[in-house]
Amino acid sequence: MKQSKFLKKVSLVLLLMIPLGASADMFAQGGKRFSVLLGRGEAFGDNYTILGLGFGYYIYDGLELGINWDTWLGGDPDINQITPEVRYVFRTQSAVDPYVGALYRWTSVSGFDDKTAYGFRGGVYIKAGQRSYIGIGAAYIETTSCDEQVYVSCSDTYPEFSYAIAF
């Protein structure tokens, strides 16, 4: 059974980062992130709208542990993903803060065995205002135990865009 590129997606992300405490430094130890994702994806020959929620906590300055949940709507079969991740933001004294991260993804697709994947991401956060950032980056995902006779591709690279506001 052929599938179109499973993880191929270009997502536009609305990311709200809300540290508890009124700090303009979103990446400081103790900072928290709440994220909302709205994106687009293609799988199994269908186009999907991707909705997601996430939470992150900065255990040290610049080092975030996070988890995200995405559901793919509007296509068949149903797709849900849970993605724990670690991200490090290199805090600079300029308006640009580079970041790198690693992730593990569990994907449930109705009618198929669950799949796991690992990946990496990197990019920059650009200060857009007193308490806001724009994120521009890229991610690479590699699906484990993947059969390319079933899946068109077992790896994918895609751009990531985000907008963050600190409250």
Protein backbone atom coordinates (compact mmCIF):
# COMPACT_ATOMS: atom_id res chain seq x y z
CA MET A 1 0.00 0.00 0.00
CA LYS A 2 1.63 3.22 -1.14
CA GLN A 3 1.52 6.36 0.95
CA SER A 4 2.41 9.87 -0.08
CA LYS A 5 5.24 11.48 1.85
CA PHE A 6 4.23 10.73 5.42
CA LEU A 7 6.08 13.44 7.27
CA LYS A 8 6.33 15.93 4.44
CA LYS A 9 4.83 19.12 5.66
CA VAL A 10 5.32 22.80 5.62
CA SER A 11 3.76 24.27 8.74
CA LEU A 12 2.93 27.77 9.73
CA VAL A 13 3.09 27.84 13.49
CA LEU A 14 1.50 30.19 15.96
CA LEU A 15 3.60 29.76 19.06
CA LEU A 16 2.65 31.42 22.30
CA MET A 17 5.30 31.22 25.00
CA ILE A 18 3.99 32.17 28.40
CA PRO A 19 6.56 32.23 31.21
CA LEU A 20 4.86 32.36 34.59
CA GLY A 21 6.26 35.59 35.95
CA ALA A 22 6.47 38.77 33.96
CA SER A 23 9.93 38.31 32.50
CA ALA A 24 10.73 39.54 29.00
CA ASP A 25 13.41 36.81 28.84
CA MET A 26 11.41 33.86 27.56
CA PHE A 27 14.44 31.57 27.74
CA ALA A 28 15.37 32.05 31.41
CA GLN A 29 15.38 29.22 33.97
CA GLY A 30 11.85 28.64 35.25
CA GLY A 31 10.25 30.02 32.07
CA LYS A 32 7.31 28.11 30.67
CA ARG A 33 5.98 27.78 27.14
CA PHE A 34 2.46 27.05 25.98
CA SER A 35 2.18 26.57 22.23
CA VAL A 36 -0.64 26.35 19.71
CA LEU A 37 0.10 25.01 16.24
CA LEU A 38 -1.86 25.50 13.04
CA GLY A 39 -0.33 23.92 9.96
CA ARG A 40 -0.77 21.92 6.80
CA GLY A 41 0.41 18.43 5.94
CA GLU A 42 0.04 15.75 3.31
CA ALA A 43 -0.11 12.00 3.89
CA PHE A 44 -1.76 8.98 2.26
CA GLY A 45 -2.70 11.13 -0.73
CA ASP A 46 -4.81 13.46 1.43
CA ASN A 47 -4.27 17.04 2.60
CA TYR A 48 -4.58 17.63 6.32
CA THR A 49 -4.98 20.58 8.65
CA ILE A 50 -2.66 20.08 11.60
CA LEU A 51 -3.69 21.35 15.03
CA GLY A 52 -1.37 21.03 18.00
CA LEU A 53 -0.72 21.98 21.60
CA GLY A 54 2.56 22.01 23.49
CA PHE A 55 4.18 22.80 26.80
CA GLY A 56 7.81 23.46 27.69
CA TYR A 57 9.77 24.32 30.81
CA TYR A 58 13.23 25.90 30.97
CA ILE A 59 15.13 23.79 33.51
CA TYR A 60 18.21 26.01 33.11
CA ASP A 61 18.78 29.29 31.28
CA GLY A 62 18.32 28.43 27.60
CA LEU A 63 17.56 24.68 28.13
CA GLU A 64 13.95 23.66 27.58
CA LEU A 65 12.26 20.28 28.04
CA GLY A 66 8.98 20.13 26.17
CA ILE A 67 6.18 17.96 24.88
CA ASN A 68 3.83 18.57 21.94
CA TRP A 69 0.66 16.85 20.68
CA ASP A 70 -0.56 17.20 17.09
CA THR A 71 -3.69 15.87 15.42
CA TRP A 72 -4.09 15.78 11.65
CA LEU A 73 -7.67 16.62 10.55
CA GLY A 74 -9.53 16.45 7.25
CA GLY A 75 -8.02 13.32 5.77
CA ASP A 76 -8.16 9.55 6.07
CA PRO A 77 -6.68 7.82 8.04
CA ASP A 78 -6.63 9.62 11.41
CA ILE A 79 -3.14 10.71 12.52
CA ASN A 80 -2.00 11.76 16.01
CA GLN A 81 1.55 12.55 17.16
CA ILE A 82 3.19 13.02 20.55
CA THR A 83 6.65 14.60 20.51
CA PRO A 84 8.86 15.03 23.58
CA GLU A 85 11.81 17.31 22.86
CA VAL A 86 14.80 19.13 24.29
CA ARG A 87 15.85 22.52 22.93
CA TYR A 88 18.77 24.78 23.76
CA VAL A 89 18.64 28.50 22.99
CA PHE A 90 22.05 30.18 22.79
CA ARG A 91 21.27 33.42 24.57
CA THR A 92 23.17 36.31 23.06
CA GLN A 93 23.25 39.98 23.79
CA SER A 94 21.95 40.71 20.28
CA ALA A 95 18.48 40.52 18.72
CA VAL A 96 19.21 37.01 17.34
CA ASP A 97 19.29 33.87 19.53
CA PRO A 98 20.22 30.60 17.73
CA TYR A 99 18.68 27.31 18.91
CA VAL A 100 19.23 23.58 18.42
CA GLY A 101 17.07 20.70 19.55
CA ALA A 102 16.46 16.97 19.49
CA LEU A 103 13.13 15.19 19.47
CA TYR A 104 11.48 11.80 19.62
CA ARG A 105 8.10 11.34 17.92
CA TRP A 106 5.44 8.68 18.40
CA THR A 107 2.85 8.58 15.61
CA SER A 108 -0.47 6.74 15.68
CA VAL A 109 -2.13 6.20 12.29
CA SER A 110 -5.50 4.42 12.31
CA GLY A 111 -5.25 1.09 10.51
CA PHE A 112 -1.42 0.96 10.72
CA ASP A 113 1.15 0.01 13.32
CA ASP A 114 2.39 2.91 15.44
CA LYS A 115 5.65 4.46 14.25
CA THR A 116 8.45 6.17 16.11
CA ALA A 117 10.93 8.70 14.79
CA TYR A 118 13.78 10.84 16.00
CA GLY A 119 14.93 14.16 14.71
CA PHE A 120 16.82 17.36 15.10
CA ARG A 121 15.97 21.02 14.59
CA GLY A 122 17.83 24.26 14.47
CA GLY A 123 17.26 27.89 13.71
CA VAL A 124 17.14 31.36 15.19
CA TYR A 125 14.77 33.42 17.29
CA ILE A 126 14.78 37.05 16.19
CA LYS A 127 13.55 39.64 18.67
CA ALA A 128 10.54 41.36 17.09
CA GLY A 129 9.55 43.63 19.97
CA GLN A 130 9.91 44.14 23.71
CA ARG A 131 8.26 40.76 24.45
CA SER A 132 8.01 38.99 21.10
CA TYR A 133 10.19 36.80 18.86
CA ILE A 134 10.01 35.37 15.37
CA GLY A 135 11.44 31.87 14.92
CA ILE A 136 12.90 30.63 11.64
CA GLY A 137 14.43 27.17 11.37
CA ALA A 138 14.40 23.69 9.91
CA ALA A 139 13.78 20.18 11.21
CA TYR A 140 14.96 16.73 10.10
CA ILE A 141 12.94 13.60 11.02
CA GLU A 142 13.95 9.94 10.50
CA THR A 143 11.27 7.25 10.99
CA THR A 144 12.54 4.04 12.63
CA SER A 145 11.56 0.55 11.36
CA CYS A 146 10.27 2.08 8.15
CA ASP A 147 9.49 0.14 4.97
CA GLU A 148 9.93 2.33 1.89
CA GLN A 149 7.73 -0.09 -0.07
CA VAL A 150 4.85 1.09 2.15
CA TYR A 151 6.00 4.65 2.87
CA VAL A 152 7.20 6.94 0.10
CA SER A 153 9.94 8.31 2.34
CA CYS A 154 11.28 7.40 5.78
CA SER A 155 12.93 10.77 6.40
CA ASP A 156 11.97 14.36 5.85
CA THR A 157 13.37 17.86 6.20
CA TYR A 158 11.00 20.81 6.48
CA PRO A 159 11.02 24.50 7.42
CA GLU A 160 9.60 25.80 10.70
CA PHE A 161 8.22 29.28 11.34
CA SER A 162 6.96 30.59 14.67
CA TYR A 163 5.88 33.72 16.45
CA ALA A 164 6.31 33.95 20.23
CA ILE A 165 4.91 36.37 22.78
CA ALA A 166 6.01 36.60 26.43
CA PHE A 167 3.43 37.64 29.01
